[in-house]
N, C-alpha and C. Protein backbone atom coordinates (compact mmCIF):
# COMPACT_ATOMS: atom_id res chain seq x y z
N MET A 1 -6.62 24.59 -92.54
CA MET A 1 -7.63 24.85 -91.70
C MET A 1 -8.30 26.31 -91.97
N GLU A 2 -7.79 27.21 -92.55
CA GLU A 2 -8.39 28.23 -93.04
C GLU A 2 -9.42 28.06 -94.07
N SER A 3 -9.04 26.97 -95.05
CA SER A 3 -10.07 26.88 -96.00
C SER A 3 -11.50 26.26 -95.46
N ASN A 4 -11.11 25.51 -94.23
CA ASN A 4 -12.48 25.35 -93.41
C ASN A 4 -13.22 26.23 -93.05
N ARG A 5 -12.36 27.34 -92.49
CA ARG A 5 -13.51 28.08 -92.00
C ARG A 5 -14.30 29.23 -93.24
N GLN A 6 -13.91 29.07 -94.10
CA GLN A 6 -14.27 29.91 -95.20
C GLN A 6 -15.68 29.16 -95.69
N LYS A 7 -15.88 27.88 -95.58
CA LYS A 7 -16.72 26.92 -95.92
C LYS A 7 -17.95 27.12 -95.09
N GLN A 8 -17.71 27.44 -93.86
CA GLN A 8 -18.71 27.36 -92.47
C GLN A 8 -19.59 28.68 -92.99
N PRO A 9 -20.93 28.34 -92.81
CA PRO A 9 -21.92 29.50 -93.17
C PRO A 9 -21.89 30.47 -91.83
N ASN A 10 -22.22 31.71 -92.30
CA ASN A 10 -22.21 32.40 -91.34
C ASN A 10 -23.81 32.66 -90.43
N LEU A 11 -23.90 32.51 -89.29
CA LEU A 11 -25.36 32.13 -88.69
C LEU A 11 -25.56 33.39 -87.70
N ILE A 12 -26.87 33.95 -87.91
CA ILE A 12 -27.17 34.74 -86.87
C ILE A 12 -28.68 34.35 -86.12
N PHE A 13 -28.70 34.06 -84.91
CA PHE A 13 -29.98 33.68 -84.55
C PHE A 13 -30.37 34.78 -83.64
N LEU A 14 -31.68 35.26 -84.21
CA LEU A 14 -32.38 36.62 -83.39
C LEU A 14 -33.20 35.81 -82.70
N MET A 15 -33.75 36.19 -81.40
CA MET A 15 -34.76 35.75 -80.63
C MET A 15 -35.29 37.08 -79.83
N THR A 16 -36.72 37.21 -80.07
CA THR A 16 -37.22 38.49 -79.49
C THR A 16 -38.45 37.93 -78.31
N ASP A 17 -38.37 38.82 -77.76
CA ASP A 17 -39.32 38.45 -76.45
C ASP A 17 -40.85 38.86 -76.62
N GLN A 18 -41.97 38.18 -76.83
CA GLN A 18 -43.10 38.85 -77.17
C GLN A 18 -43.38 39.32 -78.16
N GLN A 19 -43.05 38.98 -79.42
CA GLN A 19 -43.02 39.61 -80.80
C GLN A 19 -44.02 38.85 -81.70
N ARG A 20 -45.13 39.18 -81.93
CA ARG A 20 -46.01 38.10 -83.08
C ARG A 20 -45.68 38.23 -84.26
N TRP A 21 -45.87 37.18 -85.22
CA TRP A 21 -45.41 37.16 -86.47
C TRP A 21 -45.58 38.19 -87.31
N ASP A 22 -46.87 39.18 -86.67
CA ASP A 22 -47.07 40.25 -87.83
C ASP A 22 -46.47 41.43 -87.52
N ALA A 23 -45.72 41.33 -86.43
CA ALA A 23 -44.83 42.69 -86.03
C ALA A 23 -43.61 42.91 -86.76
N ILE A 24 -43.68 42.68 -88.06
CA ILE A 24 -42.44 42.54 -88.96
C ILE A 24 -43.10 43.17 -90.21
N GLY A 25 -42.18 44.09 -90.87
CA GLY A 25 -42.71 44.85 -92.10
C GLY A 25 -43.03 43.60 -93.38
N ARG A 26 -42.21 42.62 -93.17
CA ARG A 26 -42.55 41.69 -94.47
C ARG A 26 -43.66 41.14 -94.56
N TYR A 27 -44.37 40.98 -93.50
CA TYR A 27 -45.76 40.55 -93.00
C TYR A 27 -46.86 41.50 -92.88
N ASN A 28 -46.65 42.72 -92.54
CA ASN A 28 -47.37 43.49 -92.45
C ASN A 28 -47.14 45.28 -92.80
N GLU A 29 -47.98 45.55 -93.64
CA GLU A 29 -47.36 46.78 -94.32
C GLU A 29 -47.57 47.96 -93.54
N HIS A 30 -48.34 47.94 -92.33
CA HIS A 30 -48.22 49.18 -91.30
C HIS A 30 -47.15 49.25 -90.59
N ILE A 31 -46.17 48.15 -90.64
CA ILE A 31 -45.08 47.87 -89.69
C ILE A 31 -43.82 48.44 -90.44
N ARG A 32 -42.90 48.99 -90.00
CA ARG A 32 -41.63 49.44 -90.70
C ARG A 32 -40.21 48.66 -90.08
N THR A 33 -39.91 47.63 -90.64
CA THR A 33 -38.86 47.03 -89.74
C THR A 33 -37.52 46.80 -91.04
N PRO A 34 -37.04 47.50 -91.77
CA PRO A 34 -36.21 47.51 -92.86
C PRO A 34 -34.98 46.51 -92.65
N SER A 35 -34.14 46.43 -91.11
CA SER A 35 -33.22 45.65 -91.11
C SER A 35 -33.80 44.16 -91.11
N LEU A 36 -34.70 43.84 -90.23
CA LEU A 36 -35.38 42.51 -90.04
C LEU A 36 -35.88 42.13 -91.45
N ASP A 37 -36.43 42.79 -92.21
CA ASP A 37 -36.80 42.72 -93.42
C ASP A 37 -35.95 42.27 -94.44
N ARG A 38 -34.89 42.85 -94.56
CA ARG A 38 -33.60 42.76 -95.29
C ARG A 38 -33.03 41.41 -94.86
N LEU A 39 -32.78 41.00 -93.55
CA LEU A 39 -32.26 39.68 -93.33
C LEU A 39 -33.23 38.59 -93.79
N ALA A 40 -34.53 38.71 -93.60
CA ALA A 40 -35.48 37.83 -93.80
C ALA A 40 -35.36 37.33 -95.61
N ASP A 41 -35.14 38.57 -96.22
CA ASP A 41 -35.14 38.63 -97.74
C ASP A 41 -33.66 37.85 -98.25
N GLU A 42 -32.91 37.82 -97.36
CA GLU A 42 -31.58 37.47 -97.92
C GLU A 42 -31.04 36.19 -97.09
N GLY A 43 -31.87 35.87 -96.12
CA GLY A 43 -31.37 34.56 -95.31
C GLY A 43 -32.62 33.43 -95.27
N ILE A 44 -32.95 32.83 -94.52
CA ILE A 44 -33.97 31.54 -93.93
C ILE A 44 -34.84 32.29 -93.32
N VAL A 45 -36.16 32.23 -93.66
CA VAL A 45 -37.35 32.34 -92.93
C VAL A 45 -38.08 30.76 -92.49
N PHE A 46 -38.40 30.98 -91.24
CA PHE A 46 -39.24 29.35 -90.90
C PHE A 46 -40.63 29.80 -91.02
N SER A 47 -41.36 29.53 -91.49
CA SER A 47 -42.97 29.80 -91.77
C SER A 47 -43.67 29.13 -90.66
N GLN A 48 -43.04 28.07 -89.98
CA GLN A 48 -43.66 27.28 -88.95
C GLN A 48 -42.76 27.10 -87.87
N ALA A 49 -43.20 27.22 -86.59
CA ALA A 49 -42.13 27.14 -85.60
C ALA A 49 -43.03 26.48 -84.20
N VAL A 50 -42.50 25.67 -83.33
CA VAL A 50 -42.90 25.07 -82.35
C VAL A 50 -42.07 25.49 -81.17
N CYS A 51 -42.34 25.80 -79.98
CA CYS A 51 -41.60 25.96 -78.57
C CYS A 51 -41.99 25.06 -77.52
N GLN A 52 -41.01 24.71 -76.91
CA GLN A 52 -41.22 23.85 -76.06
C GLN A 52 -41.83 24.34 -74.74
N SER A 53 -42.05 25.45 -74.53
CA SER A 53 -42.96 25.89 -73.57
C SER A 53 -43.42 27.46 -73.84
N PRO A 54 -44.70 27.72 -73.26
CA PRO A 54 -45.21 29.08 -73.55
C PRO A 54 -44.70 30.16 -72.96
N MET A 55 -43.73 29.77 -72.02
CA MET A 55 -43.10 31.15 -71.17
C MET A 55 -41.70 31.16 -71.64
N CYS A 56 -41.23 32.25 -71.65
CA CYS A 56 -39.85 32.72 -72.30
C CYS A 56 -38.57 31.94 -71.61
N VAL A 57 -38.58 32.13 -70.08
CA VAL A 57 -37.21 31.31 -69.53
C VAL A 57 -37.31 29.77 -70.07
N PRO A 58 -38.33 29.38 -69.83
CA PRO A 58 -38.06 27.53 -69.80
C PRO A 58 -37.90 27.33 -71.42
N SER A 59 -38.56 28.30 -72.17
CA SER A 59 -38.26 28.14 -73.70
C SER A 59 -36.91 28.36 -74.06
N ARG A 60 -36.53 29.62 -73.68
CA ARG A 60 -35.05 29.92 -73.91
C ARG A 60 -34.05 28.87 -73.49
N ASN A 61 -34.12 28.43 -72.41
CA ASN A 61 -33.25 27.43 -71.81
C ASN A 61 -33.29 26.16 -72.53
N SER A 62 -34.38 25.82 -72.88
CA SER A 62 -34.78 24.42 -73.99
C SER A 62 -33.76 24.59 -75.04
N MET A 63 -33.94 25.81 -75.52
CA MET A 63 -33.20 25.81 -77.02
C MET A 63 -31.74 26.14 -76.89
N MET A 64 -31.34 26.90 -75.71
CA MET A 64 -29.83 26.82 -75.50
C MET A 64 -29.23 25.50 -75.41
N PHE A 65 -30.00 24.40 -74.38
CA PHE A 65 -29.27 23.23 -73.83
C PHE A 65 -29.87 22.24 -74.68
N GLY A 66 -30.70 22.03 -75.67
CA GLY A 66 -31.29 21.15 -76.15
C GLY A 66 -32.11 20.41 -75.71
N LEU A 67 -32.69 20.53 -74.39
CA LEU A 67 -33.58 19.71 -73.41
C LEU A 67 -34.76 20.47 -73.19
N TYR A 68 -35.95 19.29 -72.81
CA TYR A 68 -36.94 19.72 -72.50
C TYR A 68 -36.96 20.47 -71.34
N PRO A 69 -38.05 21.63 -71.20
CA PRO A 69 -37.97 22.16 -70.04
C PRO A 69 -38.08 21.51 -68.32
N SER A 70 -38.96 20.28 -68.83
CA SER A 70 -39.15 19.46 -67.45
C SER A 70 -37.58 18.73 -67.31
N GLN A 71 -36.72 18.64 -68.14
CA GLN A 71 -35.36 17.70 -68.25
C GLN A 71 -34.62 18.67 -67.16
N LEU A 72 -34.65 20.20 -67.56
CA LEU A 72 -33.88 20.93 -67.04
C LEU A 72 -34.36 21.63 -65.53
N GLY A 73 -35.42 20.94 -65.43
CA GLY A 73 -36.13 21.62 -64.47
C GLY A 73 -36.55 23.10 -63.96
N ILE A 74 -36.52 23.70 -65.19
CA ILE A 74 -37.01 25.03 -65.46
C ILE A 74 -38.53 25.28 -66.10
N ARG A 75 -39.39 25.49 -65.23
CA ARG A 75 -40.66 25.39 -65.63
C ARG A 75 -41.64 26.67 -65.77
N THR A 76 -40.69 27.75 -64.99
CA THR A 76 -41.55 29.02 -65.00
C THR A 76 -40.53 30.09 -65.20
N ASN A 77 -41.00 31.31 -65.23
CA ASN A 77 -40.25 32.41 -65.63
C ASN A 77 -39.47 32.92 -64.30
N LYS A 78 -39.70 32.41 -62.86
CA LYS A 78 -39.26 32.93 -61.91
C LYS A 78 -37.67 32.31 -61.53
N ALA A 79 -36.87 32.98 -61.11
CA ALA A 79 -35.88 32.25 -60.57
C ALA A 79 -35.62 31.53 -59.78
């Protein structure tokens, strides 16, 4: 059982709110984000991404549950 755990990758999923792609030092020399830059350099960076909703709450719920916002009944940021 222990050998299986060692083979599994370490995953860190970072999600920020209202952060543009160019608000990271790796893509903009005027921004300093050394920790994010190091994570990007040592990990995987997605150069293209799509979200299920332009609003935060429906989009986050969609990612967490693997369903479309319409399937979850969450279409706005209001509770």
